[in-house]
Protein backbone atom coordinates (compact mmCIF):
# COMPACT_ATOMS: atom_id res chain seq x y z
CA HIS A 1 -8.38 -16.80 -5.80
CA LEU A 2 -7.59 -17.11 -2.35
CA VAL A 3 -5.02 -19.79 -1.07
CA SER A 4 -4.60 -21.76 2.24
CA GLY A 5 -2.41 -24.12 4.13
CA ALA A 6 0.27 -25.57 1.82
CA GLU A 7 -0.93 -23.40 -1.40
CA ASP A 8 -0.42 -20.55 0.73
CA ASP A 9 3.14 -21.48 1.68
CA ILE A 10 3.81 -22.08 -1.98
CA ALA A 11 2.51 -19.02 -3.18
CA ARG A 12 4.43 -17.15 -0.66
CA PHE A 13 7.69 -18.75 -1.52
CA ASP A 14 7.03 -17.98 -5.35
CA ALA A 15 6.39 -14.28 -4.46
CA ILE A 16 9.54 -13.88 -2.53
CA GLN A 17 11.48 -15.82 -5.08
CA LEU A 18 9.98 -13.36 -7.94
CA ALA A 19 10.66 -10.49 -5.87
CA GLU A 20 14.54 -11.22 -5.49
CA GLN A 21 14.63 -12.33 -9.15
CA GLN A 22 13.46 -8.81 -10.13
CA GLY A 23 15.54 -7.02 -7.58
CA LEU A 24 12.67 -5.98 -5.49
CA ARG A 25 13.99 -5.60 -1.76
CA LEU A 26 11.92 -7.01 0.87
CA PHE A 27 11.71 -5.86 4.56
CA HIS A 28 11.00 -7.64 7.41
CA GLU A 29 9.92 -6.55 11.21
CA GLY A 30 12.83 -5.24 12.69
CA ASP A 31 14.14 -3.47 9.51
CA ALA A 32 11.84 -0.20 9.94
CA GLN A 33 14.72 1.95 9.72
CA ASP A 34 16.02 0.72 6.65
CA ALA A 35 12.72 0.37 5.22
CA ALA A 36 11.61 3.87 6.07
CA GLN A 37 15.24 4.98 4.73
CA HIS A 38 14.23 2.92 1.22
CA PHE A 39 11.11 4.76 1.06
CA LEU A 40 12.45 7.98 1.30
CA ASP A 41 15.08 7.10 -1.30
CA GLU A 42 12.86 5.29 -3.82
CA GLY A 43 9.18 6.38 -3.12
CA PHE A 44 7.94 2.80 -2.10
CA VAL A 45 8.68 0.11 0.50
CA VAL A 46 7.63 -3.46 0.64
CA LEU A 47 6.91 -4.89 3.79
CA ALA A 48 7.12 -8.62 3.97
CA ASP A 49 4.62 -10.44 6.32
CA ALA A 50 3.33 -7.14 7.56
CA LEU A 51 -0.13 -8.90 7.14
CA GLU A 52 -1.18 -12.65 8.28
CA GLY A 53 -4.19 -14.43 8.94
CA GLU A 54 -7.51 -12.70 8.89
CA SER A 55 -6.20 -9.36 8.05
CA LEU A 56 -4.50 -10.81 4.95
CA LYS A 57 -7.66 -12.44 4.14
CA LEU A 58 -9.81 -9.29 4.54
CA LEU A 59 -7.50 -7.29 2.17
CA GLN A 60 -7.33 -9.90 -0.30
CA GLN A 61 -11.00 -10.23 -0.73
CA ALA A 62 -11.56 -6.25 -0.62
CA SER A 63 -8.86 -6.08 -3.31
CA ALA A 64 -10.16 -8.67 -5.40
CA GLN A 65 -13.49 -7.26 -5.11
CA LEU A 66 -12.17 -3.69 -6.31
CA ILE A 67 -10.27 -4.94 -9.08
CA THR A 68 -13.03 -6.79 -10.65
CA GLU A 69 -15.11 -3.52 -10.43
CA CYS A 70 -12.51 -1.50 -11.90
CA GLU A 71 -12.26 -4.14 -14.83
CA ARG A 72 -16.05 -4.01 -15.41
CA ARG A 73 -16.25 -0.21 -15.29
CA LYS A 74 -13.13 0.56 -17.41
CA PRO A 75 -12.29 -2.85 -19.28
CA ASP A 76 -9.14 -1.22 -21.09
CA GLY A 77 -7.92 0.52 -17.80
CA ASN A 78 -8.40 4.02 -16.47
CA ARG A 79 -4.55 4.85 -16.37
CA GLY A 80 -3.61 3.58 -19.73
CA ASN A 81 -3.73 0.24 -21.40
CA GLN A 82 -4.51 -2.47 -18.51
CA ARG A 83 -3.35 -0.19 -15.69
CA TRP A 84 -6.22 0.88 -13.34
CA SER A 85 -6.25 3.13 -10.08
CA LEU A 86 -8.34 1.85 -7.22
CA GLY A 87 -8.74 5.54 -6.06
CA ARG A 88 -9.18 6.00 -2.35
CA THR A 89 -10.15 2.88 -0.80
CA THR A 90 -10.96 4.13 2.50
CA ALA A 91 -13.85 5.98 0.66
CA ASP A 92 -15.60 2.75 -0.17
CA GLU A 93 -18.34 2.31 2.40
CA ARG A 94 -17.89 -1.74 2.33
CA PHE A 95 -14.25 -1.90 2.74
CA GLY A 96 -12.90 1.59 3.99
CA THR A 97 -13.12 1.21 7.63
CA THR A 98 -11.58 -2.38 6.99
CA ILE A 99 -8.54 -1.49 4.94
CA LEU A 100 -7.64 1.44 7.11
CA SER A 101 -7.61 -0.75 10.24
CA ILE A 102 -5.42 -3.18 8.41
CA ALA A 103 -2.35 -0.41 8.43
CA ASP A 104 -2.56 -0.18 12.25
CA ASN A 105 -0.17 -2.92 13.10
CA HIS A 106 3.37 -2.74 14.47
CA HIS A 107 5.27 -3.61 11.51
CA VAL A 108 3.54 -0.77 9.56
CA CYS A 109 3.31 1.80 12.22
CA SER A 110 7.11 1.16 12.99
CA VAL A 111 8.08 2.15 9.38
CA LEU A 112 5.79 5.18 9.57
CA SER A 113 7.09 6.67 12.52
CA HIS A 114 10.68 6.36 11.22
CA ILE A 115 9.33 8.03 7.55
CA TRP A 116 7.69 11.07 9.41
CA GLY A 117 10.30 10.71 12.34
CA SER A 118 7.61 10.83 14.91
CA ASP A 119 4.80 8.80 16.14
CA LYS A 120 2.75 11.86 15.90
CA TYR A 121 1.01 10.93 12.34
CA THR A 122 -2.33 10.18 11.02
CA VAL A 123 -3.20 7.80 8.17
CA LEU A 124 -6.27 9.10 6.51
CA CYS A 125 -6.67 7.19 3.61
CA THR A 126 -5.49 4.34 1.37
CA GLY A 127 -5.41 3.45 -2.23
CA GLY A 128 -3.66 1.82 -4.77
CA ASP A 129 -2.89 0.93 -8.30
CA PHE A 130 -2.73 -2.50 -10.37
CA SER A 131 -1.77 -3.52 -13.67
CA LEU A 132 -2.69 -6.94 -15.72
CA PRO A 133 -0.82 -8.65 -18.65
CA GLY A 134 -0.46 -6.40 -21.59
CA ALA A 135 0.51 -3.01 -19.47
CA ALA A 136 3.60 -1.54 -20.60
CA ALA A 137 6.42 -2.11 -18.16
CA GLN A 138 6.77 1.06 -15.46
CA ARG A 139 9.67 1.57 -13.00
CA MET A 140 8.43 1.58 -9.52
CA HIS A 141 7.95 5.25 -8.38
CA ALA A 142 6.58 7.69 -5.82
CA ASP A 143 3.11 9.63 -7.18
CA ILE A 144 4.01 12.23 -4.39
CA GLY A 145 7.84 12.38 -4.85
CA THR A 146 9.83 13.21 -1.57
CA ARG A 147 8.79 13.27 2.01
CA GLU A 148 9.40 17.19 2.06
CA LYS A 149 7.04 17.37 -0.83
CA ALA A 150 4.47 15.30 0.88
CA ALA A 151 5.14 17.49 4.29
CA SER A 152 4.86 20.51 2.10
CA ASN A 153 1.14 19.33 1.07
CA PHE A 154 -0.21 17.58 3.87
CA THR A 155 1.15 19.20 7.12
CA PHE A 156 -1.23 20.77 9.51
CA ASP A 157 1.68 23.07 11.12
CA GLY A 158 -0.12 26.26 12.07
CA PHE A 159 -3.56 24.63 11.26
CA ILE A 160 -6.38 26.56 13.16
CA ASN A 161 -9.65 24.69 13.35
CA THR A 162 -12.32 27.33 12.92
CA MET A 163 -14.91 25.04 13.59
CA ALA A 164 -13.82 24.21 17.30
CA PRO A 165 -15.80 25.88 20.06
């Protein structure tokens, strides 16, 4: 269900209050260095207001459709009871380019630059997990672990392109 106008403001206010009640720290534009450190310490970061307007609506619509399809395919969940993984959303021809392009904004890129210690990085894919009522509580965590582990899995230092002319 997409909301607009006053409903949008109420939903945003409710989400911020819920985050505060649950002890979830929200980071705003200008908090890039603190947000990056939180990511490195905790394995996740929540960027408030990173998406707005049409970009937010596109992501909401794509997410709603992907969630509905996951539920239809595996009604009880594909990662446990009432827990699903969306997989690599950029691999979906209907949404891949749209979802990936949404990450290309100043707020997100500023945090990524601080995480990697450089503005020379590439976002190759997106994905996500979701849970519905009935799922057991799960502490927020990083599936990949530390930046060092991510770098050891994904760095291209010394990469030789054997297909290059």
